PDB file of all heavy atoms in Angstrom:
ATOM      1  N   PRO A   1      58.354  71.853 111.585  1.00  0.00           N
ATOM      2  CA  PRO A   1      57.448  70.776 111.179  1.00  0.00           C
ATOM      3  C   PRO A   1      56.003  71.050 111.572  1.00  0.00           C
ATOM      4  O   PRO A   1      55.068  70.557 110.935  1.00  0.00           O
ATOM      5  CB  PRO A   1      58.010  69.552 111.905  1.00  0.00           C
ATOM      6  CG  PRO A   1      58.842  70.099 113.017  1.00  0.00           C
ATOM      7  CD  PRO A   1      59.381  71.395 112.528  1.00  0.00           C
ATOM      8  N   ALA A   2      55.823  71.864 112.622  1.00  0.00           N
ATOM      9  CA  ALA A   2      54.481  72.258 113.062  1.00  0.00           C
ATOM     10  C   ALA A   2      54.608  73.534 113.865  1.00  0.00           C
ATOM     11  O   ALA A   2      55.677  73.847 114.408  1.00  0.00           O
ATOM     12  CB  ALA A   2      53.832  71.159 113.902  1.00  0.00           C
ATOM     13  N   GLY A   3      53.539  74.287 113.950  1.00  0.00           N
ATOM     14  CA  GLY A   3      53.551  75.485 114.761  1.00  0.00           C
ATOM     15  C   GLY A   3      53.730  75.156 116.233  1.00  0.00           C
ATOM     16  O   GLY A   3      53.416  74.053 116.691  1.00  0.00           O
ATOM     17  N   ILE A   4      54.239  76.115 117.000  1.00  0.00           N
ATOM     18  CA  ILE A   4      54.477  75.929 118.433  1.00  0.00           C
ATOM     19  C   ILE A   4      53.737  77.021 119.196  1.00  0.00           C
ATOM     20  O   ILE A   4      53.924  78.215 118.928  1.00  0.00           O
ATOM     21  CB  ILE A   4      55.976  76.006 118.779  1.00  0.00           C
ATOM     22  CG1 ILE A   4      56.785  74.975 117.998  1.00  0.00           C
ATOM     23  CG2 ILE A   4      56.185  75.833 120.275  1.00  0.00           C
ATOM     24  CD1 ILE A   4      58.284  75.137 118.164  1.00  0.00           C
ATOM     25  N   ALA A   5      52.917  76.605 120.136  1.00  0.00           N
ATOM     26  CA  ALA A   5      52.312  77.525 121.098  1.00  0.00           C
ATOM     27  C   ALA A   5      52.579  76.941 122.474  1.00  0.00           C
ATOM     28  O   ALA A   5      52.110  75.850 122.791  1.00  0.00           O
ATOM     29  CB  ALA A   5      50.812  77.676 120.849  1.00  0.00           C
ATOM     30  N   SER A   6      53.355  77.644 123.281  1.00  0.00           N
ATOM     31  CA  SER A   6      53.714  77.085 124.586  1.00  0.00           C
ATOM     32  C   SER A   6      53.609  78.151 125.665  1.00  0.00           C
ATOM     33  O   SER A   6      53.812  79.345 125.410  1.00  0.00           O
ATOM     34  CB  SER A   6      55.128  76.497 124.561  1.00  0.00           C
ATOM     35  OG  SER A   6      56.102  77.512 124.459  1.00  0.00           O
ATOM     36  N   LEU A   7      53.328  77.678 126.862  1.00  0.00           N
ATOM     37  CA  LEU A   7      53.252  78.535 128.041  1.00  0.00           C
ATOM     38  C   LEU A   7      53.993  77.840 129.169  1.00  0.00           C
ATOM     39  O   LEU A   7      53.727  76.672 129.469  1.00  0.00           O
ATOM     40  CB  LEU A   7      51.799  78.787 128.439  1.00  0.00           C
ATOM     41  CG  LEU A   7      51.588  79.612 129.725  1.00  0.00           C
ATOM     42  CD1 LEU A   7      52.112  81.032 129.540  1.00  0.00           C
ATOM     43  CD2 LEU A   7      50.113  79.620 130.127  1.00  0.00           C
ATOM     44  N   THR A   8      54.940  78.567 129.797  1.00  0.00           N
ATOM     45  CA  THR A   8      55.718  78.028 130.907  1.00  0.00           C
ATOM     46  C   THR A   8      55.455  78.855 132.149  1.00  0.00           C
ATOM     47  O   THR A   8      55.505  80.090 132.108  1.00  0.00           O
ATOM     48  CB  THR A   8      57.227  78.053 130.595  1.00  0.00           C
ATOM     49  OG1 THR A   8      57.477  77.334 129.391  1.00  0.00           O
ATOM     50  CG2 THR A   8      58.020  77.426 131.734  1.00  0.00           C
ATOM     51  N   LEU A   9      55.162  78.174 133.257  1.00  0.00           N
ATOM     52  CA  LEU A   9      54.955  78.819 134.542  1.00  0.00           C
ATOM     53  C   LEU A   9      55.901  78.196 135.557  1.00  0.00           C
ATOM     54  O   LEU A   9      56.128  76.980 135.545  1.00  0.00           O
ATOM     55  CB  LEU A   9      53.509  78.656 135.013  1.00  0.00           C
ATOM     56  CG  LEU A   9      52.421  79.226 134.096  1.00  0.00           C
ATOM     57  CD1 LEU A   9      51.040  78.884 134.641  1.00  0.00           C
ATOM     58  CD2 LEU A   9      52.577  80.732 133.932  1.00  0.00           C
ATOM     59  N   GLY A  10      56.453  79.036 136.424  1.00  0.00           N
ATOM     60  CA  GLY A  10      57.374  78.539 137.431  1.00  0.00           C
ATOM     61  C   GLY A  10      57.332  79.371 138.687  1.00  0.00           C
ATOM     62  O   GLY A  10      56.560  80.338 138.804  1.00  0.00           O
ATOM     63  N   GLN A  11      58.167  78.992 139.633  1.00  0.00           N
ATOM     64  CA  GLN A  11      58.234  79.713 140.895  1.00  0.00           C
ATOM     65  C   GLN A  11      58.779  81.118 140.675  1.00  0.00           C
ATOM     66  O   GLN A  11      59.376  81.433 139.649  1.00  0.00           O
ATOM     67  CB  GLN A  11      59.125  78.944 141.873  1.00  0.00           C
ATOM     68  CG  GLN A  11      58.572  77.586 142.271  1.00  0.00           C
ATOM     69  CD  GLN A  11      59.615  76.729 142.958  1.00  0.00           C
ATOM     70  OE1 GLN A  11      60.410  76.066 142.303  1.00  0.00           O
ATOM     71  NE2 GLN A  11      59.608  76.746 144.284  1.00  0.00           N
ATOM     72  N   ASN A  12      58.590  81.968 141.669  1.00  0.00           N
ATOM     73  CA  ASN A  12      59.111  83.331 141.657  1.00  0.00           C
ATOM     74  C   ASN A  12      58.608  84.116 140.449  1.00  0.00           C
ATOM     75  O   ASN A  12      59.343  84.871 139.823  1.00  0.00           O
ATOM     76  CB  ASN A  12      60.642  83.328 141.691  1.00  0.00           C
ATOM     77  CG  ASN A  12      61.196  82.569 142.874  1.00  0.00           C
ATOM     78  OD1 ASN A  12      60.811  82.833 144.013  1.00  0.00           O
ATOM     79  ND2 ASN A  12      62.077  81.612 142.617  1.00  0.00           N
ATOM     80  N   ARG A  13      57.339  83.866 140.116  1.00  0.00           N
ATOM     81  CA  ARG A  13      56.639  84.594 139.049  1.00  0.00           C
ATOM     82  C   ARG A  13      57.310  84.410 137.691  1.00  0.00           C
ATOM     83  O   ARG A  13      57.248  85.299 136.836  1.00  0.00           O
ATOM     84  CB  ARG A  13      56.531  86.085 139.404  1.00  0.00           C
ATOM     85  CG  ARG A  13      55.799  86.378 140.713  1.00  0.00           C
ATOM     86  CD  ARG A  13      55.690  87.855 140.959  1.00  0.00           C
ATOM     87  NE  ARG A  13      54.775  88.499 140.012  1.00  0.00           N
ATOM     88  CZ  ARG A  13      54.632  89.817 139.921  1.00  0.00           C
ATOM     89  NH1 ARG A  13      55.340  90.621 140.697  1.00  0.00           N
ATOM     90  NH2 ARG A  13      53.790  90.323 139.038  1.00  0.00           N
ATOM     91  N   TYR A  14      57.914  83.257 137.489  1.00  0.00           N
ATOM     92  CA  TYR A  14      58.488  82.985 136.169  1.00  0.00           C
ATOM     93  C   TYR A  14      57.360  82.680 135.186  1.00  0.00           C
ATOM     94  O   TYR A  14      56.507  81.822 135.432  1.00  0.00           O
ATOM     95  CB  TYR A  14      59.449  81.795 136.217  1.00  0.00           C
ATOM     96  CG  TYR A  14      60.053  81.497 134.853  1.00  0.00           C
ATOM     97  CD1 TYR A  14      61.228  82.114 134.455  1.00  0.00           C
ATOM     98  CD2 TYR A  14      59.419  80.636 133.953  1.00  0.00           C
ATOM     99  CE1 TYR A  14      61.769  81.868 133.201  1.00  0.00           C
ATOM    100  CE2 TYR A  14      59.949  80.395 132.697  1.00  0.00           C
ATOM    101  CZ  TYR A  14      61.131  81.013 132.330  1.00  0.00           C
ATOM    102  OH  TYR A  14      61.657  80.774 131.087  1.00  0.00           O
ATOM    103  N   THR A  15      57.341  83.378 134.070  1.00  0.00           N
ATOM    104  CA  THR A  15      56.349  83.171 133.022  1.00  0.00           C
ATOM    105  C   THR A  15      57.026  83.331 131.673  1.00  0.00           C
ATOM    106  O   THR A  15      57.800  84.277 131.469  1.00  0.00           O
ATOM    107  CB  THR A  15      55.195  84.188 133.124  1.00  0.00           C
ATOM    108  OG1 THR A  15      54.655  84.171 134.438  1.00  0.00           O
ATOM    109  CG2 THR A  15      54.101  83.860 132.123  1.00  0.00           C
ATOM    110  N   ARG A  16      56.739  82.410 130.768  1.00  0.00           N
ATOM    111  CA  ARG A  16      57.252  82.531 129.402  1.00  0.00           C
ATOM    112  C   ARG A  16      56.186  82.037 128.436  1.00  0.00           C
ATOM    113  O   ARG A  16      55.584  80.973 128.646  1.00  0.00           O
ATOM    114  CB  ARG A  16      58.530  81.722 129.210  1.00  0.00           C
ATOM    115  CG  ARG A  16      59.093  81.830 127.784  1.00  0.00           C
ATOM    116  CD  ARG A  16      60.324  80.983 127.571  1.00  0.00           C
ATOM    117  NE  ARG A  16      60.819  81.132 126.206  1.00  0.00           N
ATOM    118  CZ  ARG A  16      61.127  80.122 125.413  1.00  0.00           C
ATOM    119  NH1 ARG A  16      61.001  78.869 125.831  1.00  0.00           N
ATOM    120  NH2 ARG A  16      61.570  80.351 124.185  1.00  0.00           N
ATOM    121  N   ALA A  17      55.946  82.820 127.378  1.00  0.00           N
ATOM    122  CA  ALA A  17      54.999  82.440 126.336  1.00  0.00           C
ATOM    123  C   ALA A  17      55.710  82.491 124.993  1.00  0.00           C
ATOM    124  O   ALA A  17      56.421  83.459 124.693  1.00  0.00           O
ATOM    125  CB  ALA A  17      53.795  83.367 126.338  1.00  0.00           C
ATOM    126  N   LEU A  18      55.524  81.442 124.181  1.00  0.00           N
ATOM    127  CA  LEU A  18      56.171  81.357 122.874  1.00  0.00           C
ATOM    128  C   LEU A  18      55.133  80.991 121.819  1.00  0.00           C
ATOM    129  O   LEU A  18      54.331  80.069 122.001  1.00  0.00           O
ATOM    130  CB  LEU A  18      57.272  80.293 122.886  1.00  0.00           C
ATOM    131  CG  LEU A  18      57.892  79.936 121.524  1.00  0.00           C
ATOM    132  CD1 LEU A  18      58.638  81.125 120.941  1.00  0.00           C
ATOM    133  CD2 LEU A  18      58.817  78.723 121.657  1.00  0.00           C
ATOM    134  N   LEU A  19      55.161  81.716 120.711  1.00  0.00           N
ATOM    135  CA  LEU A  19      54.350  81.406 119.550  1.00  0.00           C
ATOM    136  C   LEU A  19      55.275  81.410 118.341  1.00  0.00           C
ATOM    137  O   LEU A  19      55.962  82.400 118.083  1.00  0.00           O
ATOM    138  CB  LEU A  19      53.230  82.433 119.364  1.00  0.00           C
ATOM    139  CG  LEU A  19      52.350  82.249 118.120  1.00  0.00           C
ATOM    140  CD1 LEU A  19      51.519  80.975 118.238  1.00  0.00           C
ATOM    141  CD2 LEU A  19      51.445  83.466 117.922  1.00  0.00           C
ATOM    142  N   ALA A  20      55.303  80.308 117.586  1.00  0.00           N
ATOM    143  CA  ALA A  20      56.176  80.213 116.411  1.00  0.00           C
ATOM    144  C   ALA A  20      55.514  79.328 115.366  1.00  0.00           C
ATOM    145  O   ALA A  20      54.902  78.310 115.698  1.00  0.00           O
ATOM    146  CB  ALA A  20      57.539  79.644 116.794  1.00  0.00           C
ATOM    147  N   LYS A  21      55.668  79.710 114.106  1.00  0.00           N
ATOM    148  CA  LYS A  21      55.076  78.923 113.023  1.00  0.00           C
ATOM    149  C   LYS A  21      55.753  79.300 111.711  1.00  0.00           C
ATOM    150  O   LYS A  21      56.198  80.427 111.526  1.00  0.00           O
ATOM    151  CB  LYS A  21      53.568  79.166 112.915  1.00  0.00           C
ATOM    152  CG  LYS A  21      52.865  78.274 111.875  1.00  0.00           C
ATOM    153  CD  LYS A  21      51.374  78.445 111.920  1.00  0.00           C
ATOM    154  CE  LYS A  21      50.671  77.650 110.822  1.00  0.00           C
ATOM    155  NZ  LYS A  21      50.955  76.200 110.912  1.00  0.00           N
ATOM    156  N   SER A  22      55.824  78.345 110.799  1.00  0.00           N
ATOM    157  CA  SER A  22      56.272  78.622 109.436  1.00  0.00           C
ATOM    158  C   SER A  22      55.126  78.299 108.479  1.00  0.00           C
ATOM    159  O   SER A  22      54.340  77.378 108.707  1.00  0.00           O
ATOM    160  CB  SER A  22      57.511  77.793 109.090  1.00  0.00           C
ATOM    161  OG  SER A  22      57.271  76.410 109.236  1.00  0.00           O
ATOM    162  N   THR A  23      55.064  79.079 107.407  1.00  0.00           N
ATOM    163  CA  THR A  23      53.987  78.911 106.445  1.00  0.00           C
ATOM    164  C   THR A  23      54.497  79.224 105.053  1.00  0.00           C
ATOM    165  O   THR A  23      55.456  79.986 104.888  1.00  0.00           O
ATOM    166  CB  THR A  23      52.809  79.845 106.798  1.00  0.00           C
ATOM    167  OG1 THR A  23      51.732  79.614 105.909  1.00  0.00           O
ATOM    168  CG2 THR A  23      53.222  81.306 106.719  1.00  0.00           C
ATOM    169  N   ALA A  24      53.882  78.629 104.055  1.00  0.00           N
ATOM    170  CA  ALA A  24      54.271  78.895 102.677  1.00  0.00           C
ATOM    171  C   ALA A  24      53.992  80.349 102.336  1.00  0.00           C
ATOM    172  O   ALA A  24      52.961  80.914 102.699  1.00  0.00           O
ATOM    173  CB  ALA A  24      53.525  77.970 101.725  1.00  0.00           C
ATOM    174  N   ALA A  25      54.957  80.953 101.618  1.00  0.00           N
ATOM    175  CA  ALA A  25      54.810  82.341 101.185  1.00  0.00           C
ATOM    176  C   ALA A  25      55.469  82.473  99.818  1.00  0.00           C
ATOM    177  O   ALA A  25      56.696  82.472  99.711  1.00  0.00           O
ATOM    178  CB  ALA A  25      55.453  83.300 102.181  1.00  0.00           C
ATOM    179  N   GLY A  26      54.673  82.530  98.776  1.00  0.00           N
ATOM    180  CA  GLY A  26      55.215  82.568  97.434  1.00  0.00           C
ATOM    181  C   GLY A  26      55.969  81.286  97.135  1.00  0.00           C
ATOM    182  O   GLY A  26      55.480  80.180  97.369  1.00  0.00           O
ATOM    183  N   ALA A  27      57.187  81.438  96.646  1.00  0.00           N
ATOM    184  CA  ALA A  27      58.011  80.277  96.321  1.00  0.00           C
ATOM    185  C   ALA A  27      58.808  79.774  97.513  1.00  0.00           C
ATOM    186  O   ALA A  27      59.586  78.819  97.386  1.00  0.00           O
ATOM    187  CB  ALA A  27      58.968  80.623  95.179  1.00  0.00           C
ATOM    188  N   GLY A  28      58.640  80.407  98.694  1.00  0.00           N
ATOM    189  CA  GLY A  28      59.439  80.025  99.854  1.00  0.00           C
ATOM    190  C   GLY A  28      58.610  79.802 101.091  1.00  0.00           C
ATOM    191  O   GLY A  28      57.414  79.509 101.032  1.00  0.00           O
TER     192      GLY A  28
END
């Protein structure tokens, strides 16, 4: 429904980055 840009930080050097999006491309 919308693009996602997220950043997660935690103890013990936990790091996660996510980028996701959908967009029209031709007929799909």
